[in-house]
PDB file of all heavy atoms in Angstrom:
ATOM      1  N   VAL A   1       0.826  -1.205   0.000  1.00  0.00           N
ATOM      2  CA  VAL A   1       0.000   0.000   0.000  1.00  0.00           C
ATOM      3  C   VAL A   1       0.864   1.261   0.000  1.00  0.00           C
ATOM      4  O   VAL A   1       0.630   2.183  -0.779  1.00  0.00           O
ATOM      5  CB  VAL A   1      -0.931   0.010   1.225  1.00  0.00           C
ATOM      6  CG1 VAL A   1      -1.689   1.330   1.319  1.00  0.00           C
ATOM      7  CG2 VAL A   1      -1.898  -1.162   1.165  1.00  0.00           C
ATOM      8  N   ALA A   2       1.838   1.312   0.910  1.00  0.00           N
ATOM      9  CA  ALA A   2       2.662   2.514   1.055  1.00  0.00           C
ATOM     10  C   ALA A   2       3.998   2.134   1.674  1.00  0.00           C
ATOM     11  O   ALA A   2       4.073   1.184   2.450  1.00  0.00           O
ATOM     12  CB  ALA A   2       1.960   3.550   1.928  1.00  0.00           C
ATOM     13  N   THR A   3       5.014   2.897   1.309  1.00  0.00           N
ATOM     14  CA  THR A   3       6.346   2.671   1.873  1.00  0.00           C
ATOM     15  C   THR A   3       6.912   3.974   2.399  1.00  0.00           C
ATOM     16  O   THR A   3       6.526   5.069   1.939  1.00  0.00           O
ATOM     17  CB  THR A   3       7.317   2.108   0.824  1.00  0.00           C
ATOM     18  OG1 THR A   3       7.535   3.092  -0.195  1.00  0.00           O
ATOM     19  CG2 THR A   3       6.771   0.838   0.186  1.00  0.00           C
ATOM     20  N   ILE A   4       7.836   3.860   3.352  1.00  0.00           N
ATOM     21  CA  ILE A   4       8.517   5.038   3.873  1.00  0.00           C
ATOM     22  C   ILE A   4       9.967   4.666   4.144  1.00  0.00           C
ATOM     23  O   ILE A   4      10.247   3.649   4.792  1.00  0.00           O
ATOM     24  CB  ILE A   4       7.818   5.605   5.123  1.00  0.00           C
ATOM     25  CG1 ILE A   4       8.456   6.931   5.541  1.00  0.00           C
ATOM     26  CG2 ILE A   4       7.790   4.604   6.266  1.00  0.00           C
ATOM     27  CD1 ILE A   4       7.601   7.730   6.521  1.00  0.00           C
ATOM     28  N   SER A   5      10.875   5.472   3.638  1.00  0.00           N
ATOM     29  CA  SER A   5      12.291   5.197   3.835  1.00  0.00           C
ATOM     30  C   SER A   5      12.727   5.646   5.228  1.00  0.00           C
ATOM     31  O   SER A   5      11.970   6.277   5.973  1.00  0.00           O
ATOM     32  CB  SER A   5      13.108   5.942   2.779  1.00  0.00           C
ATOM     33  OG  SER A   5      13.127   7.336   3.068  1.00  0.00           O
ATOM     34  N   SER A   6      13.961   5.327   5.575  1.00  0.00           N
ATOM     35  CA  SER A   6      14.487   5.737   6.875  1.00  0.00           C
ATOM     36  C   SER A   6      14.549   7.259   6.985  1.00  0.00           C
ATOM     37  O   SER A   6      14.512   7.815   8.082  1.00  0.00           O
ATOM     38  CB  SER A   6      15.876   5.137   7.096  1.00  0.00           C
ATOM     39  OG  SER A   6      16.762   5.567   6.085  1.00  0.00           O
ATOM     40  N   ARG A   7      14.602   7.921   5.846  1.00  0.00           N
ATOM     41  CA  ARG A   7      14.650   9.390   5.841  1.00  0.00           C
ATOM     42  C   ARG A   7      13.282  10.026   5.706  1.00  0.00           C
ATOM     43  O   ARG A   7      13.165  11.246   5.628  1.00  0.00           O
ATOM     44  CB  ARG A   7      15.554   9.874   4.708  1.00  0.00           C
ATOM     45  CG  ARG A   7      17.007   9.447   4.848  1.00  0.00           C
ATOM     46  CD  ARG A   7      17.868  10.059   3.773  1.00  0.00           C
ATOM     47  NE  ARG A   7      19.280   9.733   3.927  1.00  0.00           N
ATOM     48  CZ  ARG A   7      20.249  10.227   3.173  1.00  0.00           C
ATOM     49  NH1 ARG A   7      19.961  11.079   2.192  1.00  0.00           N
ATOM     50  NH2 ARG A   7      21.502   9.875   3.376  1.00  0.00           N
ATOM     51  N   GLY A   8      12.247   9.184   5.630  1.00  0.00           N
ATOM     52  CA  GLY A   8      10.896   9.725   5.577  1.00  0.00           C
ATOM     53  C   GLY A   8      10.328   9.914   4.191  1.00  0.00           C
ATOM     54  O   GLY A   8       9.241  10.481   4.038  1.00  0.00           O
ATOM     55  N   LEU A   9      11.029   9.442   3.165  1.00  0.00           N
ATOM     56  CA  LEU A   9      10.496   9.544   1.812  1.00  0.00           C
ATOM     57  C   LEU A   9       9.442   8.463   1.616  1.00  0.00           C
ATOM     58  O   LEU A   9       9.653   7.306   1.975  1.00  0.00           O
ATOM     59  CB  LEU A   9      11.620   9.376   0.797  1.00  0.00           C
ATOM     60  CG  LEU A   9      12.721  10.436   0.863  1.00  0.00           C
ATOM     61  CD1 LEU A   9      13.833  10.111  -0.131  1.00  0.00           C
ATOM     62  CD2 LEU A   9      12.162  11.824   0.586  1.00  0.00           C
ATOM     63  N   SER A  10       8.332   8.835   1.022  1.00  0.00           N
ATOM     64  CA  SER A  10       7.201   7.916   0.922  1.00  0.00           C
ATOM     65  C   SER A  10       6.801   7.649  -0.527  1.00  0.00           C
ATOM     66  O   SER A  10       7.043   8.474  -1.417  1.00  0.00           O
ATOM     67  CB  SER A  10       6.008   8.464   1.692  1.00  0.00           C
ATOM     68  OG  SER A  10       5.651   9.743   1.210  1.00  0.00           O
ATOM     69  N   ASN A  11       6.189   6.495  -0.724  1.00  0.00           N
ATOM     70  CA  ASN A  11       5.612   6.118  -2.014  1.00  0.00           C
ATOM     71  C   ASN A  11       4.310   5.383  -1.757  1.00  0.00           C
ATOM     72  O   ASN A  11       4.135   4.767  -0.697  1.00  0.00           O
ATOM     73  CB  ASN A  11       6.573   5.229  -2.810  1.00  0.00           C
ATOM     74  CG  ASN A  11       7.652   6.032  -3.497  1.00  0.00           C
ATOM     75  OD1 ASN A  11       7.388   6.756  -4.450  1.00  0.00           O
ATOM     76  ND2 ASN A  11       8.872   5.939  -3.017  1.00  0.00           N
ATOM     77  N   TYR A  12       3.423   5.450  -2.746  1.00  0.00           N
ATOM     78  CA  TYR A  12       2.098   4.880  -2.561  1.00  0.00           C
ATOM     79  C   TYR A  12       1.647   4.085  -3.779  1.00  0.00           C
ATOM     80  O   TYR A  12       2.024   4.388  -4.918  1.00  0.00           O
ATOM     81  CB  TYR A  12       1.085   6.008  -2.315  1.00  0.00           C
ATOM     82  CG  TYR A  12       1.407   6.849  -1.111  1.00  0.00           C
ATOM     83  CD1 TYR A  12       2.195   7.984  -1.213  1.00  0.00           C
ATOM     84  CD2 TYR A  12       0.940   6.481   0.151  1.00  0.00           C
ATOM     85  CE1 TYR A  12       2.515   8.746  -0.102  1.00  0.00           C
ATOM     86  CE2 TYR A  12       1.250   7.232   1.270  1.00  0.00           C
ATOM     87  CZ  TYR A  12       2.040   8.358   1.139  1.00  0.00           C
ATOM     88  OH  TYR A  12       2.356   9.104   2.248  1.00  0.00           O
ATOM     89  N   ALA A  13       0.813   3.091  -3.515  1.00  0.00           N
ATOM     90  CA  ALA A  13       0.134   2.407  -4.608  1.00  0.00           C
ATOM     91  C   ALA A  13      -0.811   3.391  -5.267  1.00  0.00           C
ATOM     92  O   ALA A  13      -1.363   4.288  -4.607  1.00  0.00           O
ATOM     93  CB  ALA A  13      -0.637   1.204  -4.069  1.00  0.00           C
ATOM     94  N   ASP A  14      -1.005   3.234  -6.562  1.00  0.00           N
ATOM     95  CA  ASP A  14      -1.875   4.162  -7.290  1.00  0.00           C
ATOM     96  C   ASP A  14      -3.281   4.201  -6.699  1.00  0.00           C
ATOM     97  O   ASP A  14      -3.933   5.247  -6.705  1.00  0.00           O
ATOM     98  CB  ASP A  14      -1.949   3.763  -8.761  1.00  0.00           C
ATOM     99  CG  ASP A  14      -0.671   4.066  -9.513  1.00  0.00           C
ATOM    100  OD1 ASP A  14       0.150   4.859  -9.012  1.00  0.00           O
ATOM    101  OD2 ASP A  14      -0.485   3.502 -10.606  1.00  0.00           O
ATOM    102  N   SER A  15      -3.721   3.086  -6.169  1.00  0.00           N
ATOM    103  CA  SER A  15      -5.090   2.994  -5.664  1.00  0.00           C
ATOM    104  C   SER A  15      -5.331   3.841  -4.409  1.00  0.00           C
ATOM    105  O   SER A  15      -6.484   4.132  -4.081  1.00  0.00           O
ATOM    106  CB  SER A  15      -5.443   1.533  -5.370  1.00  0.00           C
ATOM    107  OG  SER A  15      -4.535   0.984  -4.412  1.00  0.00           O
ATOM    108  N   VAL A  16      -4.263   4.232  -3.721  1.00  0.00           N
ATOM    109  CA  VAL A  16      -4.435   5.008  -2.482  1.00  0.00           C
ATOM    110  C   VAL A  16      -3.785   6.378  -2.558  1.00  0.00           C
ATOM    111  O   VAL A  16      -3.924   7.176  -1.625  1.00  0.00           O
ATOM    112  CB  VAL A  16      -3.885   4.236  -1.255  1.00  0.00           C
ATOM    113  CG1 VAL A  16      -4.497   2.848  -1.175  1.00  0.00           C
ATOM    114  CG2 VAL A  16      -2.368   4.167  -1.281  1.00  0.00           C
ATOM    115  N   LYS A  17      -3.104   6.654  -3.645  1.00  0.00           N
ATOM    116  CA  LYS A  17      -2.390   7.925  -3.775  1.00  0.00           C
ATOM    117  C   LYS A  17      -3.356   9.098  -3.633  1.00  0.00           C
ATOM    118  O   LYS A  17      -4.429   9.099  -4.232  1.00  0.00           O
ATOM    119  CB  LYS A  17      -1.681   7.951  -5.128  1.00  0.00           C
ATOM    120  CG  LYS A  17      -0.525   8.919  -5.212  1.00  0.00           C
ATOM    121  CD  LYS A  17       0.259   8.693  -6.501  1.00  0.00           C
ATOM    122  CE  LYS A  17       0.977   7.367  -6.509  1.00  0.00           C
ATOM    123  NZ  LYS A  17       1.825   7.169  -7.710  1.00  0.00           N
ATOM    124  N   GLY A  18      -2.961  10.070  -2.813  1.00  0.00           N
ATOM    125  CA  GLY A  18      -3.801  11.239  -2.591  1.00  0.00           C
ATOM    126  C   GLY A  18      -4.811  11.066  -1.467  1.00  0.00           C
ATOM    127  O   GLY A  18      -5.441  12.040  -1.038  1.00  0.00           O
ATOM    128  N   ARG A  19      -4.970   9.825  -0.984  1.00  0.00           N
ATOM    129  CA  ARG A  19      -5.935   9.566   0.094  1.00  0.00           C
ATOM    130  C   ARG A  19      -5.245   9.078   1.367  1.00  0.00           C
ATOM    131  O   ARG A  19      -5.715   9.363   2.476  1.00  0.00           O
ATOM    132  CB  ARG A  19      -6.954   8.510  -0.344  1.00  0.00           C
ATOM    133  CG  ARG A  19      -7.770   8.898  -1.564  1.00  0.00           C
ATOM    134  CD  ARG A  19      -8.881   7.893  -1.828  1.00  0.00           C
ATOM    135  NE  ARG A  19      -8.370   6.555  -2.141  1.00  0.00           N
ATOM    136  CZ  ARG A  19      -8.678   5.471  -1.437  1.00  0.00           C
ATOM    137  NH1 ARG A  19      -9.466   5.546  -0.393  1.00  0.00           N
ATOM    138  NH2 ARG A  19      -8.189   4.284  -1.809  1.00  0.00           N
ATOM    139  N   PHE A  20      -4.158   8.331   1.217  1.00  0.00           N
ATOM    140  CA  PHE A  20      -3.439   7.759   2.368  1.00  0.00           C
ATOM    141  C   PHE A  20      -2.114   8.495   2.558  1.00  0.00           C
ATOM    142  O   PHE A  20      -1.481   8.929   1.587  1.00  0.00           O
ATOM    143  CB  PHE A  20      -3.143   6.281   2.138  1.00  0.00           C
ATOM    144  CG  PHE A  20      -4.330   5.371   2.177  1.00  0.00           C
ATOM    145  CD1 PHE A  20      -5.631   5.860   2.167  1.00  0.00           C
ATOM    146  CD2 PHE A  20      -4.141   3.997   2.216  1.00  0.00           C
ATOM    147  CE1 PHE A  20      -6.721   5.014   2.203  1.00  0.00           C
ATOM    148  CE2 PHE A  20      -5.214   3.127   2.243  1.00  0.00           C
ATOM    149  CZ  PHE A  20      -6.508   3.637   2.234  1.00  0.00           C
ATOM    150  N   THR A  21      -1.683   8.592   3.815  1.00  0.00           N
ATOM    151  CA  THR A  21      -0.392   9.180   4.143  1.00  0.00           C
ATOM    152  C   THR A  21       0.330   8.301   5.149  1.00  0.00           C
ATOM    153  O   THR A  21      -0.212   8.009   6.222  1.00  0.00           O
ATOM    154  CB  THR A  21      -0.550  10.591   4.725  1.00  0.00           C
ATOM    155  OG1 THR A  21      -1.257  11.422   3.800  1.00  0.00           O
ATOM    156  CG2 THR A  21       0.812  11.214   5.002  1.00  0.00           C
ATOM    157  N   ILE A  22       1.537   7.887   4.801  1.00  0.00           N
ATOM    158  CA  ILE A  22       2.371   7.101   5.712  1.00  0.00           C
ATOM    159  C   ILE A  22       3.345   8.037   6.414  1.00  0.00           C
ATOM    160  O   ILE A  22       3.854   8.993   5.816  1.00  0.00           O
ATOM    161  CB  ILE A  22       3.115   5.983   4.950  1.00  0.00           C
ATOM    162  CG1 ILE A  22       3.812   5.028   5.922  1.00  0.00           C
ATOM    163  CG2 ILE A  22       4.082   6.552   3.922  1.00  0.00           C
ATOM    164  CD1 ILE A  22       4.384   3.777   5.234  1.00  0.00           C
ATOM    165  N   SER A  23       3.581   7.785   7.681  1.00  0.00           N
ATOM    166  CA  SER A  23       4.532   8.589   8.441  1.00  0.00           C
ATOM    167  C   SER A  23       5.179   7.717   9.504  1.00  0.00           C
ATOM    168  O   SER A  23       4.746   6.580   9.736  1.00  0.00           O
ATOM    169  CB  SER A  23       3.846   9.799   9.084  1.00  0.00           C
ATOM    170  OG  SER A  23       2.843   9.378   9.995  1.00  0.00           O
ATOM    171  N   ARG A  24       6.203   8.236  10.137  1.00  0.00           N
ATOM    172  CA  ARG A  24       6.901   7.465  11.156  1.00  0.00           C
ATOM    173  C   ARG A  24       7.353   8.371  12.281  1.00  0.00           C
ATOM    174  O   ARG A  24       7.618   9.557  12.079  1.00  0.00           O
ATOM    175  CB  ARG A  24       8.107   6.745  10.547  1.00  0.00           C
ATOM    176  CG  ARG A  24       9.171   7.654   9.983  1.00  0.00           C
ATOM    177  CD  ARG A  24      10.190   6.863   9.150  1.00  0.00           C
ATOM    178  NE  ARG A  24      10.910   5.902   9.982  1.00  0.00           N
ATOM    179  CZ  ARG A  24      11.487   4.802   9.503  1.00  0.00           C
ATOM    180  NH1 ARG A  24      11.424   4.532   8.200  1.00  0.00           N
ATOM    181  NH2 ARG A  24      12.138   3.988  10.307  1.00  0.00           N
ATOM    182  N   ASP A  25       7.449   7.790  13.472  1.00  0.00           N
ATOM    183  CA  ASP A  25       7.974   8.477  14.642  1.00  0.00           C
ATOM    184  C   ASP A  25       9.086   7.600  15.198  1.00  0.00           C
ATOM    185  O   ASP A  25       8.821   6.602  15.876  1.00  0.00           O
ATOM    186  CB  ASP A  25       6.876   8.684  15.683  1.00  0.00           C
ATOM    187  CG  ASP A  25       7.335   9.519  16.865  1.00  0.00           C
ATOM    188  OD1 ASP A  25       8.548   9.558  17.139  1.00  0.00           O
ATOM    189  OD2 ASP A  25       6.478  10.113  17.528  1.00  0.00           O
ATOM    190  N   ASN A  26      10.321   7.957  14.902  1.00  0.00           N
ATOM    191  CA  ASN A  26      11.441   7.119  15.315  1.00  0.00           C
ATOM    192  C   ASN A  26      11.613   7.081  16.829  1.00  0.00           C
ATOM    193  O   ASN A  26      12.133   6.109  17.372  1.00  0.00           O
ATOM    194  CB  ASN A  26      12.727   7.606  14.656  1.00  0.00           C
ATOM    195  CG  ASN A  26      12.749   7.321  13.153  1.00  0.00           C
ATOM    196  OD1 ASN A  26      11.985   6.493  12.650  1.00  0.00           O
ATOM    197  ND2 ASN A  26      13.609   8.012  12.445  1.00  0.00           N
ATOM    198  N   ALA A  27      11.179   8.124  17.517  1.00  0.00           N
ATOM    199  CA  ALA A  27      11.287   8.144  18.973  1.00  0.00           C
ATOM    200  C   ALA A  27      10.348   7.127  19.615  1.00  0.00           C
ATOM    201  O   ALA A  27      10.613   6.642  20.721  1.00  0.00           O
ATOM    202  CB  ALA A  27      10.986   9.535  19.499  1.00  0.00           C
ATOM    203  N   LYS A  28       9.263   6.806  18.914  1.00  0.00           N
ATOM    204  CA  LYS A  28       8.278   5.861  19.442  1.00  0.00           C
ATOM    205  C   LYS A  28       8.325   4.507  18.748  1.00  0.00           C
ATOM    206  O   LYS A  28       7.506   3.628  19.044  1.00  0.00           O
ATOM    207  CB  LYS A  28       6.868   6.447  19.313  1.00  0.00           C
ATOM    208  CG  LYS A  28       6.642   7.705  20.136  1.00  0.00           C
ATOM    209  CD  LYS A  28       5.204   8.198  19.995  1.00  0.00           C
ATOM    210  CE  LYS A  28       4.961   9.439  20.850  1.00  0.00           C
ATOM    211  NZ  LYS A  28       3.560   9.934  20.719  1.00  0.00           N
ATOM    212  N   ASN A  29       9.266   4.354  17.816  1.00  0.00           N
ATOM    213  CA  ASN A  29       9.347   3.102  17.042  1.00  0.00           C
ATOM    214  C   ASN A  29       7.994   2.729  16.443  1.00  0.00           C
ATOM    215  O   ASN A  29       7.574   1.568  16.474  1.00  0.00           O
ATOM    216  CB  ASN A  29       9.864   1.951  17.909  1.00  0.00           C
ATOM    217  CG  ASN A  29      11.366   1.998  18.107  1.00  0.00           C
ATOM    218  OD1 ASN A  29      11.998   2.995  17.785  1.00  0.00           O
ATOM    219  ND2 ASN A  29      11.925   0.944  18.656  1.00  0.00           N
ATOM    220  N   THR A  30       7.332   3.720  15.878  1.00  0.00           N
ATOM    221  CA  THR A  30       5.974   3.526  15.370  1.00  0.00           C
ATOM    222  C   THR A  30       5.835   4.113  13.974  1.00  0.00           C
ATOM    223  O   THR A  30       6.348   5.195  13.702  1.00  0.00           O
ATOM    224  CB  THR A  30       4.942   4.165  16.310  1.00  0.00           C
ATOM    225  OG1 THR A  30       5.052   3.564  17.614  1.00  0.00           O
ATOM    226  CG2 THR A  30       3.524   3.953  15.799  1.00  0.00           C
ATOM    227  N   VAL A  31       5.155   3.381  13.123  1.00  0.00           N
ATOM    228  CA  VAL A  31       4.812   3.869  11.788  1.00  0.00           C
ATOM    229  C   VAL A  31       3.289   3.974  11.707  1.00  0.00           C
ATOM    230  O   VAL A  31       2.566   3.155  12.290  1.00  0.00           O
ATOM    231  CB  VAL A  31       5.395   2.950  10.697  1.00  0.00           C
ATOM    232  CG1 VAL A  31       4.846   1.535  10.804  1.00  0.00           C
ATOM    233  CG2 VAL A  31       5.165   3.529   9.316  1.00  0.00           C
ATOM    234  N   TYR A  32       2.826   4.997  11.002  1.00  0.00           N
ATOM    235  CA  TYR A  32       1.391   5.291  10.933  1.00  0.00           C
ATOM    236  C   TYR A  32       0.903   5.243   9.488  1.00  0.00           C
ATOM    237  O   TYR A  32       1.676   5.401   8.544  1.00  0.00           O
ATOM    238  CB  TYR A  32       1.117   6.688  11.488  1.00  0.00           C
ATOM    239  CG  TYR A  32       1.595   6.887  12.907  1.00  0.00           C
ATOM    240  CD1 TYR A  32       2.816   7.506  13.171  1.00  0.00           C
ATOM    241  CD2 TYR A  32       0.824   6.470  13.987  1.00  0.00           C
ATOM    242  CE1 TYR A  32       3.259   7.692  14.466  1.00  0.00           C
ATOM    243  CE2 TYR A  32       1.265   6.655  15.292  1.00  0.00           C
ATOM    244  CZ  TYR A  32       2.479   7.271  15.523  1.00  0.00           C
ATOM    245  OH  TYR A  32       2.906   7.457  16.818  1.00  0.00           O
ATOM    246  N   LEU A  33      -0.399   5.062   9.356  1.00  0.00           N
ATOM    247  CA  LEU A  33      -1.046   5.179   8.050  1.00  0.00           C
ATOM    248  C   LEU A  33      -2.343   5.947   8.255  1.00  0.00           C
ATOM    249  O   LEU A  33      -3.287   5.420   8.861  1.00  0.00           O
ATOM    250  CB  LEU A  33      -1.326   3.811   7.419  1.00  0.00           C
ATOM    251  CG  LEU A  33      -1.852   3.867   5.990  1.00  0.00           C
ATOM    252  CD1 LEU A  33      -0.768   4.391   5.040  1.00  0.00           C
ATOM    253  CD2 LEU A  33      -2.336   2.496   5.521  1.00  0.00           C
ATOM    254  N   GLN A  34      -2.359   7.188   7.811  1.00  0.00           N
ATOM    255  CA  GLN A  34      -3.569   7.995   7.846  1.00  0.00           C
ATOM    256  C   GLN A  34      -4.349   7.706   6.582  1.00  0.00           C
ATOM    257  O   GLN A  34      -3.842   7.900   5.473  1.00  0.00           O
ATOM    258  CB  GLN A  34      -3.221   9.477   7.936  1.00  0.00           C
ATOM    259  CG  GLN A  34      -4.417  10.403   7.906  1.00  0.00           C
ATOM    260  CD  GLN A  34      -5.295  10.259   9.138  1.00  0.00           C
ATOM    261  OE1 GLN A  34      -4.808  10.174  10.263  1.00  0.00           O
ATOM    262  NE2 GLN A  34      -6.608  10.232   8.927  1.00  0.00           N
ATOM    263  N   MET A  35      -5.578   7.267   6.734  1.00  0.00           N
ATOM    264  CA  MET A  35      -6.409   6.887   5.600  1.00  0.00           C
ATOM    265  C   MET A  35      -7.636   7.790   5.554  1.00  0.00           C
ATOM    266  O   MET A  35      -8.444   7.782   6.481  1.00  0.00           O
ATOM    267  CB  MET A  35      -6.825   5.420   5.714  1.00  0.00           C
ATOM    268  CG  MET A  35      -5.647   4.475   5.910  1.00  0.00           C
ATOM    269  SD  MET A  35      -6.136   2.734   5.849  1.00  0.00           S
ATOM    270  CE  MET A  35      -7.203   2.650   7.281  1.00  0.00           C
ATOM    271  N   ASN A  36      -7.748   8.566   4.499  1.00  0.00           N
ATOM    272  CA  ASN A  36      -8.883   9.472   4.303  1.00  0.00           C
ATOM    273  C   ASN A  36      -9.678   9.057   3.080  1.00  0.00           C
ATOM    274  O   ASN A  36      -9.194   8.290   2.247  1.00  0.00           O
ATOM    275  CB  ASN A  36      -8.382  10.898   4.135  1.00  0.00           C
ATOM    276  CG  ASN A  36      -7.635  11.413   5.352  1.00  0.00           C
ATOM    277  OD1 ASN A  36      -7.919  11.035   6.491  1.00  0.00           O
ATOM    278  ND2 ASN A  36      -6.670  12.289   5.116  1.00  0.00           N
ATOM    279  N   SER A  37     -10.876   9.580   2.971  1.00  0.00           N
ATOM    280  CA  SER A  37     -11.742   9.301   1.818  1.00  0.00           C
ATOM    281  C   SER A  37     -11.810   7.800   1.541  1.00  0.00           C
ATOM    282  O   SER A  37     -11.644   7.353   0.397  1.00  0.00           O
ATOM    283  CB  SER A  37     -11.230  10.042   0.580  1.00  0.00           C
ATOM    284  OG  SER A  37     -11.186  11.435   0.819  1.00  0.00           O
ATOM    285  N   LEU A  38     -12.054   7.045   2.581  1.00  0.00           N
ATOM    286  CA  LEU A  38     -12.042   5.588   2.448  1.00  0.00           C
ATOM    287  C   LEU A  38     -13.146   5.094   1.532  1.00  0.00           C
ATOM    288  O   LEU A  38     -14.250   5.659   1.485  1.00  0.00           O
ATOM    289  CB  LEU A  38     -12.152   4.940   3.827  1.00  0.00           C
ATOM    290  CG  LEU A  38     -10.843   4.959   4.633  1.00  0.00           C
ATOM    291  CD1 LEU A  38     -11.106   4.745   6.109  1.00  0.00           C
ATOM    292  CD2 LEU A  38      -9.886   3.893   4.099  1.00  0.00           C
ATOM    293  N   LYS A  39     -12.830   4.026   0.799  1.00  0.00           N
ATOM    294  CA  LYS A  39     -13.758   3.407  -0.130  1.00  0.00           C
ATOM    295  C   LYS A  39     -13.988   1.950   0.296  1.00  0.00           C
ATOM    296  O   LYS A  39     -13.167   1.367   1.014  1.00  0.00           O
ATOM    297  CB  LYS A  39     -13.176   3.436  -1.545  1.00  0.00           C
ATOM    298  CG  LYS A  39     -12.778   4.816  -2.034  1.00  0.00           C
ATOM    299  CD  LYS A  39     -12.108   4.716  -3.402  1.00  0.00           C
ATOM    300  CE  LYS A  39     -11.682   6.081  -3.910  1.00  0.00           C
ATOM    301  NZ  LYS A  39     -11.020   6.000  -5.239  1.00  0.00           N
ATOM    302  N   SER A  40     -15.051   1.370  -0.198  1.00  0.00           N
ATOM    303  CA  SER A  40     -15.352  -0.022   0.166  1.00  0.00           C
ATOM    304  C   SER A  40     -14.210  -0.950  -0.259  1.00  0.00           C
ATOM    305  O   SER A  40     -13.939  -1.943   0.418  1.00  0.00           O
ATOM    306  CB  SER A  40     -16.668  -0.455  -0.464  1.00  0.00           C
ATOM    307  OG  SER A  40     -16.634  -0.290  -1.868  1.00  0.00           O
ATOM    308  N   GLU A  41     -13.558  -0.608  -1.342  1.00  0.00           N
ATOM    309  CA  GLU A  41     -12.454  -1.461  -1.821  1.00  0.00           C
ATOM    310  C   GLU A  41     -11.202  -1.375  -0.953  1.00  0.00           C
ATOM    311  O   GLU A  41     -10.242  -2.108  -1.175  1.00  0.00           O
ATOM    312  CB  GLU A  41     -12.092  -1.145  -3.276  1.00  0.00           C
ATOM    313  CG  GLU A  41     -11.864   0.320  -3.562  1.00  0.00           C
ATOM    314  CD  GLU A  41     -13.099   0.993  -4.159  1.00  0.00           C
ATOM    315  OE1 GLU A  41     -14.212   0.763  -3.625  1.00  0.00           O
ATOM    316  OE2 GLU A  41     -12.939   1.759  -5.136  1.00  0.00           O
ATOM    317  N   ASP A  42     -11.198  -0.479   0.040  1.00  0.00           N
ATOM    318  CA  ASP A  42     -10.097  -0.428   0.997  1.00  0.00           C
ATOM    319  C   ASP A  42     -10.272  -1.452   2.122  1.00  0.00           C
ATOM    320  O   ASP A  42      -9.383  -1.619   2.951  1.00  0.00           O
ATOM    321  CB  ASP A  42      -9.983   0.972   1.612  1.00  0.00           C
ATOM    322  CG  ASP A  42      -9.618   2.031   0.598  1.00  0.00           C
ATOM    323  OD1 ASP A  42      -8.747   1.767  -0.254  1.00  0.00           O
ATOM    324  OD2 ASP A  42     -10.207   3.131   0.652  1.00  0.00           O
TER     325      ASP A  42
END
């Protein structure tokens, strides 16, 4: 669905581009996926 490099660079599948955002918090060892405008196919 989405990737994020160690430097925070992100890429997305075409099906979610513009709707999903991947991010990371290295202090919390946590990666996030914000999903907006969700569709049934998600």
